[in-house]
């Protein structure tokens, strides 16, 4: 059994070295750290002795780093920063700030709509890690009902849960402009459409409800993400219901064509922010939820008073 390495130096010695360099000398560093100048001199001298490396040279009244000192100081900042982050995390845990927040987002949702909330969340999150899970259809429901996530953005609210509307998402049926579907007289009969290959997005649930959403065609290929579906469409393979924020730029570029289907030209979805356990969330989850709601992109009716 090998013995664990025991450091010769201390964090305090490295912090003193950093202060001497940052303050430009021992006198100002002593004032900054509220320590005696002699104690700082002793700490740096001992640090150099323990390492057997010259880190500082005094020129006039100013302490200058040696080339070796430049490298060692830079590495020491990583060390002290990591320790400070670790100590900060412990404080946050004690203050009941969660070390991690998870959010499930249905794949049809436009994530660009919550980027402002995420940008605002980062500097206020107190080191809480964020996990974003892509979910689809019943898989989003499962993440909510099993309390697998702290927050969810879904297009339907499971029974027994509440949700706040945050955005409207449109799905449009598209295919390659040269696909045979484009030769079918418009509006396209759904029966005629069903004879053609449909690209669908895989439900992320362990027990998917194959009758929900847009999973209707038996003649279909299944993919995990819309980027794969769009790549197949670009090869003139099948048709697919795609969120408008992904498909419209390709339609505008004449790379895709919108299908005018009789009885269903568009599918309109309302996106809801759902808190699976509203009575059992920490301040970090609450903060993120508040920021998402503050940046919601949906028209809400004004409250009226009698």
C-alpha atoms as a PDB file:
ATOM      1  CA  UNK A   1       0.000   0.000   0.000  1.00  0.00           C
ATOM      2  CA  UNK A   2       1.436   3.352  -1.068  1.00  0.00           C
ATOM      3  CA  UNK A   3       1.387   6.290   1.288  1.00  0.00           C
ATOM      4  CA  UNK A   4      -0.746   9.314   0.334  1.00  0.00           C
ATOM      5  CA  UNK A   5       1.166  12.427  -0.624  1.00  0.00           C
ATOM      6  CA  UNK A   6       1.317  14.972   2.189  1.00  0.00           C
ATOM      7  CA  UNK A   7       1.662  18.560   0.960  1.00  0.00           C
ATOM      8  CA  UNK A   8       4.644  20.507   2.223  1.00  0.00           C
ATOM      9  CA  UNK A   9       2.961  23.849   1.670  1.00  0.00           C
ATOM     10  CA  UNK A  10      -0.282  25.381   2.928  1.00  0.00           C
ATOM     11  CA  UNK A  11      -3.070  27.298   1.243  1.00  0.00           C
ATOM     12  CA  UNK A  12      -2.338  30.218   3.539  1.00  0.00           C
ATOM     13  CA  UNK A  13       1.224  30.453   2.227  1.00  0.00           C
ATOM     14  CA  UNK A  14      -0.018  30.555  -1.362  1.00  0.00           C
ATOM     15  CA  UNK A  15      -2.630  33.177  -0.495  1.00  0.00           C
ATOM     16  CA  UNK A  16       0.080  35.323   1.096  1.00  0.00           C
ATOM     17  CA  UNK A  17       2.246  34.997  -2.018  1.00  0.00           C
ATOM     18  CA  UNK A  18      -0.692  36.054  -4.179  1.00  0.00           C
ATOM     19  CA  UNK A  19      -1.379  39.053  -1.949  1.00  0.00           C
ATOM     20  CA  UNK A  20       2.264  40.191  -2.037  1.00  0.00           C
ATOM     21  CA  UNK A  21       2.253  40.056  -5.838  1.00  0.00           C
ATOM     22  CA  UNK A  22      -1.197  41.592  -6.278  1.00  0.00           C
ATOM     23  CA  UNK A  23      -0.493  44.404  -3.810  1.00  0.00           C
ATOM     24  CA  UNK A  24       2.966  45.077  -5.244  1.00  0.00           C
ATOM     25  CA  UNK A  25       4.937  44.433  -2.081  1.00  0.00           C
ATOM     26  CA  UNK A  26       5.008  43.190   1.497  1.00  0.00           C
ATOM     27  CA  UNK A  27       3.941  46.441   3.161  1.00  0.00           C
ATOM     28  CA  UNK A  28       0.676  46.834   1.245  1.00  0.00           C
ATOM     29  CA  UNK A  29      -0.016  43.106   1.412  1.00  0.00           C
ATOM     30  CA  UNK A  30       0.395  43.196   5.201  1.00  0.00           C
ATOM     31  CA  UNK A  31      -2.105  46.027   5.385  1.00  0.00           C
ATOM     32  CA  UNK A  32      -4.519  44.205   3.059  1.00  0.00           C
ATOM     33  CA  UNK A  33      -4.318  40.940   5.007  1.00  0.00           C
ATOM     34  CA  UNK A  34      -4.200  42.687   8.398  1.00  0.00           C
ATOM     35  CA  UNK A  35      -1.000  40.831   9.265  1.00  0.00           C
ATOM     36  CA  UNK A  36       2.490  41.960  10.221  1.00  0.00           C
ATOM     37  CA  UNK A  37       4.996  42.453   7.439  1.00  0.00           C
ATOM     38  CA  UNK A  38       7.454  40.164   9.188  1.00  0.00           C
ATOM     39  CA  UNK A  39       4.917  37.308   9.220  1.00  0.00           C
ATOM     40  CA  UNK A  40       4.433  37.673   5.468  1.00  0.00           C
ATOM     41  CA  UNK A  41       8.187  37.711   4.884  1.00  0.00           C
ATOM     42  CA  UNK A  42       8.529  34.560   6.967  1.00  0.00           C
ATOM     43  CA  UNK A  43       5.654  32.780   5.159  1.00  0.00           C
ATOM     44  CA  UNK A  44       7.057  33.478   1.675  1.00  0.00           C
ATOM     45  CA  UNK A  45      10.584  32.592   2.731  1.00  0.00           C
ATOM     46  CA  UNK A  46       9.388  29.294   4.189  1.00  0.00           C
ATOM     47  CA  UNK A  47       7.344  28.579   1.046  1.00  0.00           C
ATOM     48  CA  UNK A  48      10.415  29.074  -1.135  1.00  0.00           C
ATOM     49  CA  UNK A  49      12.522  26.970   1.228  1.00  0.00           C
ATOM     50  CA  UNK A  50      10.041  24.095   1.248  1.00  0.00           C
ATOM     51  CA  UNK A  51       9.825  24.112  -2.541  1.00  0.00           C
ATOM     52  CA  UNK A  52      13.528  24.855  -3.049  1.00  0.00           C
ATOM     53  CA  UNK A  53      12.419  27.319  -5.749  1.00  0.00           C
ATOM     54  CA  UNK A  54      13.011  31.080  -5.834  1.00  0.00           C
ATOM     55  CA  UNK A  55       9.577  32.654  -6.395  1.00  0.00           C
ATOM     56  CA  UNK A  56      10.149  36.324  -5.607  1.00  0.00           C
ATOM     57  CA  UNK A  57      12.975  38.822  -5.838  1.00  0.00           C
ATOM     58  CA  UNK A  58      12.755  42.249  -4.208  1.00  0.00           C
ATOM     59  CA  UNK A  59      13.784  45.133  -6.447  1.00  0.00           C
ATOM     60  CA  UNK A  60      13.721  48.393  -4.554  1.00  0.00           C
ATOM     61  CA  UNK A  61      10.491  48.341  -2.582  1.00  0.00           C
ATOM     62  CA  UNK A  62       8.627  46.102  -5.000  1.00  0.00           C
ATOM     63  CA  UNK A  63       8.512  42.293  -5.059  1.00  0.00           C
ATOM     64  CA  UNK A  64       8.929  40.810  -8.539  1.00  0.00           C
ATOM     65  CA  UNK A  65       8.136  37.274  -9.633  1.00  0.00           C
ATOM     66  CA  UNK A  66      10.877  35.091 -11.044  1.00  0.00           C
ATOM     67  CA  UNK A  67      10.009  33.109 -14.220  1.00  0.00           C
ATOM     68  CA  UNK A  68       9.411  30.065 -12.014  1.00  0.00           C
ATOM     69  CA  UNK A  69       7.300  32.237  -9.711  1.00  0.00           C
ATOM     70  CA  UNK A  70       5.063  33.287 -12.626  1.00  0.00           C
ATOM     71  CA  UNK A  71       4.234  29.653 -13.387  1.00  0.00           C
ATOM     72  CA  UNK A  72       3.796  28.645  -9.755  1.00  0.00           C
ATOM     73  CA  UNK A  73       1.622  31.646  -8.941  1.00  0.00           C
ATOM     74  CA  UNK A  74      -0.686  30.944 -11.869  1.00  0.00           C
ATOM     75  CA  UNK A  75      -1.114  27.333 -10.786  1.00  0.00           C
ATOM     76  CA  UNK A  76      -1.639  28.405  -7.171  1.00  0.00           C
ATOM     77  CA  UNK A  77      -4.587  30.590  -8.189  1.00  0.00           C
ATOM     78  CA  UNK A  78      -6.314  27.521  -9.625  1.00  0.00           C
ATOM     79  CA  UNK A  79      -5.739  25.763  -6.319  1.00  0.00           C
ATOM     80  CA  UNK A  80      -7.098  28.532  -4.093  1.00  0.00           C
ATOM     81  CA  UNK A  81     -10.017  29.227  -6.452  1.00  0.00           C
ATOM     82  CA  UNK A  82     -11.034  25.559  -6.312  1.00  0.00           C
ATOM     83  CA  UNK A  83     -10.871  25.540  -2.520  1.00  0.00           C
ATOM     84  CA  UNK A  84     -12.949  28.705  -2.316  1.00  0.00           C
ATOM     85  CA  UNK A  85     -15.526  27.195  -4.680  1.00  0.00           C
ATOM     86  CA  UNK A  86     -15.630  24.038  -2.562  1.00  0.00           C
ATOM     87  CA  UNK A  87     -16.128  26.031   0.632  1.00  0.00           C
ATOM     88  CA  UNK A  88     -18.789  28.137  -1.077  1.00  0.00           C
ATOM     89  CA  UNK A  89     -20.625  24.987  -2.154  1.00  0.00           C
ATOM     90  CA  UNK A  90     -20.631  23.739   1.444  1.00  0.00           C
ATOM     91  CA  UNK A  91     -22.126  27.040   2.590  1.00  0.00           C
ATOM     92  CA  UNK A  92     -24.778  26.856  -0.115  1.00  0.00           C
ATOM     93  CA  UNK A  93     -25.697  23.306   0.861  1.00  0.00           C
ATOM     94  CA  UNK A  94     -25.987  24.365   4.487  1.00  0.00           C
ATOM     95  CA  UNK A  95     -28.132  27.282   3.341  1.00  0.00           C
ATOM     96  CA  UNK A  96     -30.277  24.753   1.434  1.00  0.00           C
ATOM     97  CA  UNK A  97     -29.143  25.988  -1.977  1.00  0.00           C
ATOM     98  CA  UNK A  98     -29.287  22.873  -4.095  1.00  0.00           C
ATOM     99  CA  UNK A  99     -25.996  21.603  -5.535  1.00  0.00           C
ATOM    100  CA  UNK A 100     -27.872  20.665  -8.734  1.00  0.00           C
ATOM    101  CA  UNK A 101     -31.044  21.726 -10.549  1.00  0.00           C
ATOM    102  CA  UNK A 102     -32.548  19.597 -13.318  1.00  0.00           C
ATOM    103  CA  UNK A 103     -35.057  20.613 -15.960  1.00  0.00           C
ATOM    104  CA  UNK A 104     -36.750  18.443 -18.593  1.00  0.00           C
ATOM    105  CA  UNK A 105     -37.583  20.263 -21.822  1.00  0.00           C
ATOM    106  CA  UNK A 106     -39.793  18.774 -24.511  1.00  0.00           C
ATOM    107  CA  UNK A 107     -37.789  18.571 -27.725  1.00  0.00           C
ATOM    108  CA  UNK A 108     -40.344  20.613 -29.699  1.00  0.00           C
ATOM    109  CA  UNK A 109     -39.800  23.625 -27.434  1.00  0.00           C
ATOM    110  CA  UNK A 110     -37.616  26.449 -28.721  1.00  0.00           C
ATOM    111  CA  UNK A 111     -34.778  26.542 -26.170  1.00  0.00           C
ATOM    112  CA  UNK A 112     -33.792  29.955 -27.474  1.00  0.00           C
ATOM    113  CA  UNK A 113     -36.778  31.299 -25.555  1.00  0.00           C
ATOM    114  CA  UNK A 114     -35.216  30.439 -22.190  1.00  0.00           C
ATOM    115  CA  UNK A 115     -31.622  31.473 -22.923  1.00  0.00           C
ATOM    116  CA  UNK A 116     -32.186  34.945 -21.373  1.00  0.00           C
ATOM    117  CA  UNK A 117     -33.388  33.223 -18.187  1.00  0.00           C
ATOM    118  CA  UNK A 118     -30.343  30.930 -18.154  1.00  0.00           C
ATOM    119  CA  UNK A 119     -27.989  33.888 -18.664  1.00  0.00           C
ATOM    120  CA  UNK A 120     -29.603  35.653 -15.702  1.00  0.00           C
ATOM    121  CA  UNK A 121     -29.535  32.459 -13.621  1.00  0.00           C
ATOM    122  CA  UNK A 122     -25.798  31.780 -13.959  1.00  0.00           C
ATOM    123  CA  UNK A 123     -24.407  34.671 -11.856  1.00  0.00           C
ATOM    124  CA  UNK A 124     -27.067  34.165  -9.162  1.00  0.00           C
ATOM    125  CA  UNK A 125     -27.001  30.364  -8.976  1.00  0.00           C
ATOM    126  CA  UNK A 126     -24.348  30.148  -6.218  1.00  0.00           C
ATOM    127  CA  UNK A 127     -22.542  27.316  -7.975  1.00  0.00           C
ATOM    128  CA  UNK A 128     -25.606  25.103  -8.471  1.00  0.00           C
ATOM    129  CA  UNK A 129     -25.074  22.847 -11.477  1.00  0.00           C
ATOM    130  CA  UNK A 130     -27.783  22.753 -14.131  1.00  0.00           C
ATOM    131  CA  UNK A 131     -28.827  19.612 -15.990  1.00  0.00           C
ATOM    132  CA  UNK A 132     -31.035  20.014 -19.077  1.00  0.00           C
ATOM    133  CA  UNK A 133     -32.753  16.846 -20.302  1.00  0.00           C
ATOM    134  CA  UNK A 134     -34.303  16.520 -23.757  1.00  0.00           C
ATOM    135  CA  UNK A 135     -37.577  14.648 -23.445  1.00  0.00           C
ATOM    136  CA  UNK A 136     -40.374  13.834 -25.876  1.00  0.00           C
ATOM    137  CA  UNK A 137     -44.122  13.297 -25.446  1.00  0.00           C
ATOM    138  CA  UNK A 138     -44.852  10.721 -22.729  1.00  0.00           C
ATOM    139  CA  UNK A 139     -41.228  10.911 -21.629  1.00  0.00           C
ATOM    140  CA  UNK A 140     -41.816  14.484 -20.491  1.00  0.00           C
ATOM    141  CA  UNK A 141     -44.884  13.345 -18.561  1.00  0.00           C
ATOM    142  CA  UNK A 142     -42.842  10.601 -16.911  1.00  0.00           C
ATOM    143  CA  UNK A 143     -40.149  13.058 -15.814  1.00  0.00           C
ATOM    144  CA  UNK A 144     -42.881  15.090 -14.114  1.00  0.00           C
ATOM    145  CA  UNK A 145     -44.950  12.331 -12.525  1.00  0.00           C
ATOM    146  CA  UNK A 146     -41.916  10.412 -11.231  1.00  0.00           C
ATOM    147  CA  UNK A 147     -40.392  13.640  -9.862  1.00  0.00           C
ATOM    148  CA  UNK A 148     -37.224  12.863 -11.815  1.00  0.00           C
ATOM    149  CA  UNK A 149     -36.608  16.583 -12.414  1.00  0.00           C
ATOM    150  CA  UNK A 150     -37.050  19.817 -10.492  1.00  0.00           C
ATOM    151  CA  UNK A 151     -38.672  21.681 -13.397  1.00  0.00           C
ATOM    152  CA  UNK A 152     -40.198  20.722 -16.719  1.00  0.00           C
ATOM    153  CA  UNK A 153     -41.317  22.472 -19.879  1.00  0.00           C
ATOM    154  CA  UNK A 154     -44.079  20.418 -21.453  1.00  0.00           C
ATOM    155  CA  UNK A 155     -46.897  20.815 -23.950  1.00  0.00           C
ATOM    156  CA  UNK A 156     -49.446  19.050 -21.814  1.00  0.00           C
ATOM    157  CA  UNK A 157     -49.998  19.018 -18.085  1.00  0.00           C
ATOM    158  CA  UNK A 158     -50.355  15.599 -16.439  1.00  0.00           C
ATOM    159  CA  UNK A 159     -53.431  15.063 -14.311  1.00  0.00           C
ATOM    160  CA  UNK A 160     -52.917  16.360 -10.787  1.00  0.00           C
ATOM    161  CA  UNK A 161     -50.277  18.938 -11.722  1.00  0.00           C
ATOM    162  CA  UNK A 162     -50.339  22.643 -12.496  1.00  0.00           C
ATOM    163  CA  UNK A 163     -48.415  24.621 -15.086  1.00  0.00           C
ATOM    164  CA  UNK A 164     -47.819  28.204 -16.144  1.00  0.00           C
ATOM    165  CA  UNK A 165     -48.010  28.964 -19.888  1.00  0.00           C
ATOM    166  CA  UNK A 166     -44.733  30.409 -21.158  1.00  0.00           C
ATOM    167  CA  UNK A 167     -44.802  30.165 -24.965  1.00  0.00           C
ATOM    168  CA  UNK A 168     -46.667  29.043 -28.065  1.00  0.00           C
ATOM    169  CA  UNK A 169     -44.974  26.544 -30.372  1.00  0.00           C
ATOM    170  CA  UNK A 170     -46.128  25.713 -33.895  1.00  0.00           C
ATOM    171  CA  UNK A 171     -45.425  22.472 -35.728  1.00  0.00           C
ATOM    172  CA  UNK A 172     -45.568  22.391 -39.530  1.00  0.00           C
ATOM    173  CA  UNK A 173     -45.479  19.377 -41.860  1.00  0.00           C
ATOM    174  CA  UNK A 174     -42.602  19.651 -44.308  1.00  0.00           C
ATOM    175  CA  UNK A 175     -40.770  17.623 -46.941  1.00  0.00           C
ATOM    176  CA  UNK A 176     -38.177  18.147 -49.654  1.00  0.00           C
ATOM    177  CA  UNK A 177     -39.528  20.286 -52.537  1.00  0.00           C
ATOM    178  CA  UNK A 178     -38.869  17.406 -54.971  1.00  0.00           C
ATOM    179  CA  UNK A 179     -40.692  14.796 -52.896  1.00  0.00           C
ATOM    180  CA  UNK A 180     -43.631  13.069 -54.622  1.00  0.00           C
ATOM    181  CA  UNK A 181     -45.937  14.357 -51.882  1.00  0.00           C
ATOM    182  CA  UNK A 182     -45.604  17.803 -53.462  1.00  0.00           C
ATOM    183  CA  UNK A 183     -47.394  16.450 -56.565  1.00  0.00           C
ATOM    184  CA  UNK A 184     -50.519  15.540 -54.574  1.00  0.00           C
ATOM    185  CA  UNK A 185     -53.301  18.098 -55.147  1.00  0.00           C
ATOM    186  CA  UNK A 186     -53.624  20.599 -52.284  1.00  0.00           C
ATOM    187  CA  UNK A 187     -55.069  20.364 -49.688  1.00  0.00           C
ATOM    188  CA  UNK A 188     -53.498  16.946 -49.283  1.00  0.00           C
ATOM    189  CA  UNK A 189     -55.808  14.116 -48.264  1.00  0.00           C
ATOM    190  CA  UNK A 190     -54.472  12.589 -44.996  1.00  0.00           C
ATOM    191  CA  UNK A 191     -55.160   9.111 -46.397  1.00  0.00           C
ATOM    192  CA  UNK A 192     -52.936   9.832 -49.401  1.00  0.00           C
ATOM    193  CA  UNK A 193     -50.307  11.292 -47.075  1.00  0.00           C
ATOM    194  CA  UNK A 194     -50.297   8.146 -44.923  1.00  0.00           C
ATOM    195  CA  UNK A 195     -48.965   6.148 -47.880  1.00  0.00           C
ATOM    196  CA  UNK A 196     -45.686   8.056 -47.627  1.00  0.00           C
ATOM    197  CA  UNK A 197     -42.901   7.603 -45.094  1.00  0.00           C
ATOM    198  CA  UNK A 198     -43.214   9.781 -42.002  1.00  0.00           C
ATOM    199  CA  UNK A 199     -40.201  10.717 -39.894  1.00  0.00           C
ATOM    200  CA  UNK A 200     -41.141  10.775 -36.203  1.00  0.00           C
ATOM    201  CA  UNK A 201     -39.291  11.634 -33.015  1.00  0.00           C
ATOM    202  CA  UNK A 202     -38.797   8.824 -30.528  1.00  0.00           C
ATOM    203  CA  UNK A 203     -40.813   9.082 -27.338  1.00  0.00           C
ATOM    204  CA  UNK A 204     -38.353   9.119 -24.430  1.00  0.00           C
ATOM    205  CA  UNK A 205     -40.706   7.290 -22.075  1.00  0.00           C
ATOM    206  CA  UNK A 206     -39.915   3.703 -21.084  1.00  0.00           C
ATOM    207  CA  UNK A 207     -43.580   2.972 -21.835  1.00  0.00           C
ATOM    208  CA  UNK A 208     -44.464   5.380 -24.670  1.00  0.00           C
ATOM    209  CA  UNK A 209     -48.033   6.173 -25.569  1.00  0.00           C
ATOM    210  CA  UNK A 210     -47.869   5.540 -29.305  1.00  0.00           C
ATOM    211  CA  UNK A 211     -51.267   7.159 -29.896  1.00  0.00           C
ATOM    212  CA  UNK A 212     -50.241  10.568 -28.603  1.00  0.00           C
ATOM    213  CA  UNK A 213     -48.727  13.583 -30.338  1.00  0.00           C
ATOM    214  CA  UNK A 214     -47.812  13.093 -33.972  1.00  0.00           C
ATOM    215  CA  UNK A 215     -47.072   9.349 -33.782  1.00  0.00           C
ATOM    216  CA  UNK A 216     -49.857   8.269 -36.115  1.00  0.00           C
ATOM    217  CA  UNK A 217     -48.291   6.696 -39.188  1.00  0.00           C
ATOM    218  CA  UNK A 218     -47.429   3.001 -39.371  1.00  0.00           C
ATOM    219  CA  UNK A 219     -45.146   3.780 -42.336  1.00  0.00           C
ATOM    220  CA  UNK A 220     -42.478   5.610 -40.377  1.00  0.00           C
ATOM    221  CA  UNK A 221     -38.857   5.924 -39.413  1.00  0.00           C
ATOM    222  CA  UNK A 222     -38.026   6.953 -35.853  1.00  0.00           C
ATOM    223  CA  UNK A 223     -35.174   9.247 -34.860  1.00  0.00           C
ATOM    224  CA  UNK A 224     -34.068  10.772 -31.564  1.00  0.00           C
ATOM    225  CA  UNK A 225     -33.727  14.436 -32.550  1.00  0.00           C
ATOM    226  CA  UNK A 226     -35.108  16.918 -35.030  1.00  0.00           C
ATOM    227  CA  UNK A 227     -31.653  17.551 -36.499  1.00  0.00           C
ATOM    228  CA  UNK A 228     -31.602  13.933 -37.711  1.00  0.00           C
ATOM    229  CA  UNK A 229     -35.105  14.333 -39.114  1.00  0.00           C
ATOM    230  CA  UNK A 230     -34.071  17.483 -40.987  1.00  0.00           C
ATOM    231  CA  UNK A 231     -31.006  15.701 -42.364  1.00  0.00           C
ATOM    232  CA  UNK A 232     -33.240  12.929 -43.735  1.00  0.00           C
ATOM    233  CA  UNK A 233     -35.657  15.448 -45.236  1.00  0.00           C
ATOM    234  CA  UNK A 234     -32.711  17.132 -46.954  1.00  0.00           C
ATOM    235  CA  UNK A 235     -32.048  13.770 -48.661  1.00  0.00           C
ATOM    236  CA  UNK A 236     -35.638  13.695 -49.971  1.00  0.00           C
ATOM    237  CA  UNK A 237     -36.609  11.017 -47.478  1.00  0.00           C
ATOM    238  CA  UNK A 238     -40.119  11.200 -46.010  1.00  0.00           C
ATOM    239  CA  UNK A 239     -42.010  14.054 -44.399  1.00  0.00           C
ATOM    240  CA  UNK A 240     -42.071  15.238 -40.806  1.00  0.00           C
ATOM    241  CA  UNK A 241     -43.897  17.547 -38.416  1.00  0.00           C
ATOM    242  CA  UNK A 242     -41.171  19.977 -37.353  1.00  0.00           C
ATOM    243  CA  UNK A 243     -41.283  22.970 -34.973  1.00  0.00           C
ATOM    244  CA  UNK A 244     -41.606  26.146 -37.023  1.00  0.00           C
ATOM    245  CA  UNK A 245     -38.561  27.751 -35.422  1.00  0.00           C
ATOM    246  CA  UNK A 246     -36.447  24.942 -36.937  1.00  0.00           C
ATOM    247  CA  UNK A 247     -38.251  24.484 -40.253  1.00  0.00           C
ATOM    248  CA  UNK A 248     -39.148  28.027 -41.313  1.00  0.00           C
ATOM    249  CA  UNK A 249     -35.576  29.151 -42.151  1.00  0.00           C
ATOM    250  CA  UNK A 250     -35.250  26.104 -44.439  1.00  0.00           C
ATOM    251  CA  UNK A 251     -38.639  26.820 -45.984  1.00  0.00           C
ATOM    252  CA  UNK A 252     -37.568  30.416 -46.624  1.00  0.00           C
ATOM    253  CA  UNK A 253     -34.416  29.077 -48.315  1.00  0.00           C
ATOM    254  CA  UNK A 254     -36.562  26.774 -50.519  1.00  0.00           C
ATOM    255  CA  UNK A 255     -34.866  23.731 -48.972  1.00  0.00           C
ATOM    256  CA  UNK A 256     -38.156  22.466 -47.524  1.00  0.00           C
ATOM    257  CA  UNK A 257     -41.775  22.845 -48.523  1.00  0.00           C
ATOM    258  CA  UNK A 258     -44.758  23.176 -46.194  1.00  0.00           C
ATOM    259  CA  UNK A 259     -47.482  20.628 -46.774  1.00  0.00           C
ATOM    260  CA  UNK A 260     -51.041  21.917 -46.865  1.00  0.00           C
ATOM    261  CA  UNK A 261     -52.843  18.987 -45.251  1.00  0.00           C
ATOM    262  CA  UNK A 262     -56.619  18.967 -45.314  1.00  0.00           C
ATOM    263  CA  UNK A 263     -57.883  19.564 -41.783  1.00  0.00           C
ATOM    264  CA  UNK A 264     -54.458  20.186 -40.244  1.00  0.00           C
ATOM    265  CA  UNK A 265     -52.176  22.810 -41.748  1.00  0.00           C
ATOM    266  CA  UNK A 266     -50.449  23.553 -38.418  1.00  0.00           C
ATOM    267  CA  UNK A 267     -50.298  22.090 -34.935  1.00  0.00           C
ATOM    268  CA  UNK A 268     -50.344  24.699 -32.212  1.00  0.00           C
ATOM    269  CA  UNK A 269     -48.858  23.795 -28.840  1.00  0.00           C
ATOM    270  CA  UNK A 270     -48.809  25.763 -25.616  1.00  0.00           C
ATOM    271  CA  UNK A 271     -45.641  25.295 -23.595  1.00  0.00           C
ATOM    272  CA  UNK A 272     -46.063  25.149 -19.825  1.00  0.00           C
ATOM    273  CA  UNK A 273     -43.534  25.481 -17.025  1.00  0.00           C
ATOM    274  CA  UNK A 274     -44.340  22.771 -14.487  1.00  0.00           C
ATOM    275  CA  UNK A 275     -42.896  22.361 -10.996  1.00  0.00           C
ATOM    276  CA  UNK A 276     -43.473  18.681 -10.112  1.00  0.00           C
ATOM    277  CA  UNK A 277     -43.042  19.254  -6.360  1.00  0.00           C
ATOM    278  CA  UNK A 278     -43.912  22.907  -5.709  1.00  0.00           C
ATOM    279  CA  UNK A 279     -43.869  22.484  -1.922  1.00  0.00           C
ATOM    280  CA  UNK A 280     -40.445  20.866  -1.917  1.00  0.00           C
ATOM    281  CA  UNK A 281     -38.125  23.025  -4.019  1.00  0.00           C
ATOM    282  CA  UNK A 282     -35.019  24.884  -2.988  1.00  0.00           C
ATOM    283  CA  UNK A 283     -34.121  28.502  -3.622  1.00  0.00           C
ATOM    284  CA  UNK A 284     -32.039  27.729  -6.717  1.00  0.00           C
ATOM    285  CA  UNK A 285     -34.925  25.915  -8.413  1.00  0.00           C
ATOM    286  CA  UNK A 286     -37.299  28.675  -7.389  1.00  0.00           C
ATOM    287  CA  UNK A 287     -34.952  31.311  -8.800  1.00  0.00           C
ATOM    288  CA  UNK A 288     -34.720  29.552 -12.166  1.00  0.00           C
ATOM    289  CA  UNK A 289     -38.498  29.123 -12.323  1.00  0.00           C
ATOM    290  CA  UNK A 290     -39.038  32.815 -11.574  1.00  0.00           C
ATOM    291  CA  UNK A 291     -36.557  33.835 -14.262  1.00  0.00           C
ATOM    292  CA  UNK A 292     -38.213  31.599 -16.862  1.00  0.00           C
ATOM    293  CA  UNK A 293     -41.609  33.072 -16.023  1.00  0.00           C
ATOM    294  CA  UNK A 294     -40.214  36.615 -16.118  1.00  0.00           C
ATOM    295  CA  UNK A 295     -38.969  35.940 -19.656  1.00  0.00           C
ATOM    296  CA  UNK A 296     -42.045  34.110 -20.898  1.00  0.00           C
ATOM    297  CA  UNK A 297     -43.067  34.731 -24.519  1.00  0.00           C
ATOM    298  CA  UNK A 298     -46.816  34.471 -24.414  1.00  0.00           C
ATOM    299  CA  UNK A 299     -49.639  36.984 -24.179  1.00  0.00           C
ATOM    300  CA  UNK A 300     -51.451  36.727 -20.865  1.00  0.00           C
ATOM    301  CA  UNK A 301     -54.839  38.351 -20.236  1.00  0.00           C
ATOM    302  CA  UNK A 302     -54.730  41.283 -17.856  1.00  0.00           C
ATOM    303  CA  UNK A 303     -56.213  40.753 -14.414  1.00  0.00           C
ATOM    304  CA  UNK A 304     -59.542  42.521 -14.073  1.00  0.00           C
ATOM    305  CA  UNK A 305     -61.324  43.649 -10.965  1.00  0.00           C
ATOM    306  CA  UNK A 306     -65.061  43.826 -10.509  1.00  0.00           C
END
